[in-house]
Protein backbone atom coordinates (compact mmCIF):
# COMPACT_ATOMS: atom_id res chain seq x y z
CA MET A 1 -3.88 -21.25 5.46
CA SER A 2 -0.10 -21.76 5.23
CA LYS A 3 -0.21 -20.90 1.52
CA LYS A 4 -1.98 -17.64 2.33
CA ILE A 5 0.70 -16.82 4.90
CA THR A 6 3.36 -17.68 2.34
CA LEU A 7 1.79 -15.47 -0.32
CA THR A 8 1.46 -12.67 2.21
CA SER A 9 5.15 -13.07 3.04
CA VAL A 10 6.09 -12.98 -0.65
CA LEU A 11 4.11 -9.75 -1.06
CA ILE A 12 5.84 -8.24 2.01
CA ALA A 13 9.14 -9.14 0.42
CA LEU A 14 7.96 -7.47 -2.80
CA THR A 15 7.45 -4.28 -0.77
CA VAL A 16 11.18 -4.33 -0.04
CA VAL A 17 11.89 -4.39 -3.76
CA GLY A 18 9.36 -1.62 -4.30
CA ALA A 19 10.82 0.38 -1.41
CA THR A 20 14.11 0.58 -3.24
CA ILE A 21 12.44 2.45 -6.12
CA LYS A 22 11.88 5.92 -4.69
CA VAL A 23 9.63 8.67 -6.02
CA PRO A 24 11.39 12.06 -5.72
CA ALA A 25 9.89 13.59 -2.57
CA ILE A 26 10.49 15.91 0.36
CA ILE A 27 10.90 12.80 2.55
CA GLY A 28 12.62 9.60 1.49
CA SER A 29 9.87 7.07 2.10
CA VAL A 30 7.64 7.68 -0.94
CA ALA A 31 8.24 4.61 -3.05
CA PHE A 32 6.68 1.68 -4.91
CA ASP A 33 5.92 -0.11 -1.70
CA SER A 34 2.11 0.20 -1.78
CA PHE A 35 1.21 -1.86 -4.82
CA PRO A 36 2.05 -5.21 -3.15
CA ALA A 37 -0.36 -4.27 -0.33
CA LEU A 38 -3.04 -3.49 -2.87
CA LEU A 39 -2.40 -6.86 -4.51
CA ALA A 40 -2.68 -8.55 -1.12
CA ALA A 41 -5.88 -6.66 -0.31
CA ALA A 42 -7.51 -7.66 -3.59
CA LEU A 43 -6.27 -11.28 -3.67
CA LEU A 44 -6.23 -12.24 0.00
CA GLY A 45 -8.57 -9.76 1.72
CA GLY A 46 -8.36 -6.80 4.03
CA PRO A 47 -6.40 -8.27 6.92
CA ALA A 48 -3.62 -9.55 4.66
CA GLY A 49 -3.60 -6.26 2.73
CA ALA A 50 -3.36 -4.34 6.01
CA VAL A 51 -0.39 -6.43 7.18
CA VAL A 52 1.44 -6.00 3.89
CA ALA A 53 0.69 -2.27 3.83
CA GLY A 54 1.90 -1.63 7.38
CA MET A 55 5.00 -3.75 7.00
CA GLY A 56 5.64 -2.31 3.56
CA HIS A 57 5.62 1.23 4.84
CA LEU A 58 7.90 0.42 7.77
CA LEU A 59 10.39 -1.34 5.48
CA SER A 60 10.30 1.57 3.00
CA ALA A 61 10.84 4.06 5.84
CA LEU A 62 13.70 1.94 7.20
CA MET A 63 15.39 1.97 3.79
CA GLY A 64 14.87 5.75 3.64
CA GLY A 65 16.44 6.27 7.08
CA PHE A 66 13.22 6.87 9.04
CA PRO A 67 13.11 10.58 8.17
CA LEU A 68 10.00 11.11 10.37
CA GLY A 69 11.21 8.97 13.23
CA GLY A 70 8.54 7.23 15.32
CA LEU A 71 5.81 8.90 13.33
CA HIS A 72 6.26 6.19 10.74
CA GLY A 73 4.33 3.92 13.13
CA LEU A 74 1.31 6.19 12.64
CA VAL A 75 1.79 6.17 8.86
CA ALA A 76 2.03 2.33 8.88
CA ILE A 77 -1.32 2.18 10.71
CA GLU A 78 -2.84 4.62 8.21
CA MET A 79 -1.53 2.57 5.28
CA ALA A 80 -2.92 -0.62 6.85
CA LEU A 81 -6.32 1.05 7.18
CA LEU A 82 -6.26 2.33 3.61
CA ALA A 83 -5.43 -1.16 2.29
CA PHE A 84 -8.17 -2.72 4.39
CA ILE A 85 -10.81 -0.30 3.09
CA PHE A 86 -9.44 -0.68 -0.47
CA SER A 87 -10.06 -4.41 -0.12
CA PHE A 88 -13.64 -3.86 0.93
CA PHE A 89 -14.44 -1.72 -2.13
CA TYR A 90 -12.38 -3.79 -4.58
CA ARG A 91 -13.71 -7.14 -3.52
CA SER A 92 -17.32 -5.84 -3.68
CA GLY A 93 -16.86 -5.05 -7.37
CA ARG A 94 -16.23 -1.33 -7.04
CA SER A 95 -12.63 -1.24 -8.27
CA TRP A 96 -12.69 2.40 -9.41
CA VAL A 97 -14.15 3.52 -6.06
CA ALA A 98 -11.39 1.55 -4.37
CA ALA A 99 -8.73 3.13 -6.57
CA ILE A 100 -9.96 6.70 -6.11
CA PHE A 101 -10.40 6.15 -2.36
CA PHE A 102 -6.83 4.87 -2.00
CA VAL A 103 -5.26 7.66 -4.05
CA LEU A 104 -7.18 10.45 -2.32
CA GLY A 105 -6.80 8.89 1.13
CA ASN A 106 -3.08 8.35 0.72
CA THR A 107 -2.51 11.77 -0.81
CA PHE A 108 -4.67 14.08 1.29
CA VAL A 109 -6.03 12.28 4.39
CA ALA A 110 -3.11 10.17 5.61
CA PRO A 111 -0.67 13.12 5.86
CA LEU A 112 -3.17 15.33 7.76
CA PRO A 113 -1.62 14.64 11.21
CA PHE A 114 1.62 16.11 9.87
CA MET A 115 -0.12 19.40 9.14
CA PHE A 116 -0.81 19.72 12.84
CA LEU A 117 2.55 18.33 13.98
CA MET A 118 4.88 19.97 11.46
CA GLY A 119 2.86 22.76 9.90
CA GLU A 120 0.84 23.51 6.83
CA ALA A 121 3.92 24.11 4.68
CA PHE A 122 5.23 20.61 5.35
CA TYR A 123 1.80 19.11 4.58
CA LEU A 124 1.51 21.04 1.31
CA ALA A 125 5.05 20.10 0.33
CA LEU A 126 4.20 16.40 0.73
CA LEU A 127 1.11 16.45 -1.49
CA PRO A 128 2.64 16.44 -4.99
CA SER A 129 5.01 13.51 -4.36
CA LEU A 130 2.39 11.57 -2.42
CA PHE A 131 -0.09 12.05 -5.28
CA VAL A 132 2.39 10.89 -7.89
CA GLY A 133 3.48 7.92 -5.76
CA SER A 134 -0.15 6.96 -5.04
CA VAL A 135 -1.17 7.14 -8.70
CA LEU A 136 1.85 5.13 -9.84
CA ASN A 137 1.33 2.43 -7.20
CA MET A 138 -2.36 2.26 -8.07
CA ALA A 139 -1.67 2.03 -11.79
CA ILE A 140 0.64 -0.93 -11.28
CA ALA A 141 -1.91 -2.56 -9.00
CA LEU A 142 -4.84 -2.04 -11.40
CA VAL A 143 -2.87 -3.64 -14.18
CA ALA A 144 -1.55 -6.56 -12.08
CA ILE A 145 -4.61 -7.43 -9.97
CA PRO A 146 -6.94 -8.69 -12.73
CA ARG A 147 -4.12 -10.74 -14.24
CA LEU A 148 -3.20 -12.30 -10.90
CA ILE A 149 -6.83 -12.96 -10.05
CA SER A 150 -7.28 -14.78 -13.34
CA ILE A 151 -4.27 -16.94 -12.53
CA LEU A 152 -4.58 -17.36 -8.74
CA GLY A 153 -8.19 -16.49 -8.05
CA PRO A 154 -9.75 -19.93 -8.46
CA ARG A 155 -6.86 -21.56 -6.69
CA LEU A 156 -7.01 -19.10 -3.80
CA SER A 157 -10.70 -19.77 -3.22
CA GLU A 158 -10.04 -23.50 -3.32
CA GLY A 159 -6.93 -23.26 -1.15
CA LYS A 160 -4.77 -24.79 -3.90
CA VAL A 161 -2.24 -22.06 -4.62
CA ASN A 162 1.01 -23.66 -5.85
CA LEU A 163 3.89 -21.39 -4.92
């Protein structure tokens, strides 16, 4: 269990690194902070993926100056939910369904509350950068996950991960 917590912590730290690499966007929190959450969701399961996703978004928003203020709490919850559901699909062998779900959910569904809070123009302005950020994060995750599973997978299931 402590090795799972350690790996989760390492992936949260990786979100900080990813958060420093921004995707040009209308707001400053679109970054490479999602792929560590997707790695956690695939390797460690939904709860760990959700923790990494929520923390990752908050850290990315912090580094971007919290441009949406307290609304980043809502976004962190949405990201956690997306990672949790991604884990369900990915771990049940439906990796492409998981990937498409995450990209579409992160691009179109997660920002929906902002359409009602800040207007349709703000929502529409977010979509291109969210789509690009989602696709790039997913591409990195889809390349990294199978390689990490081949290295860590058997050890994770046996509880013998050497970090």
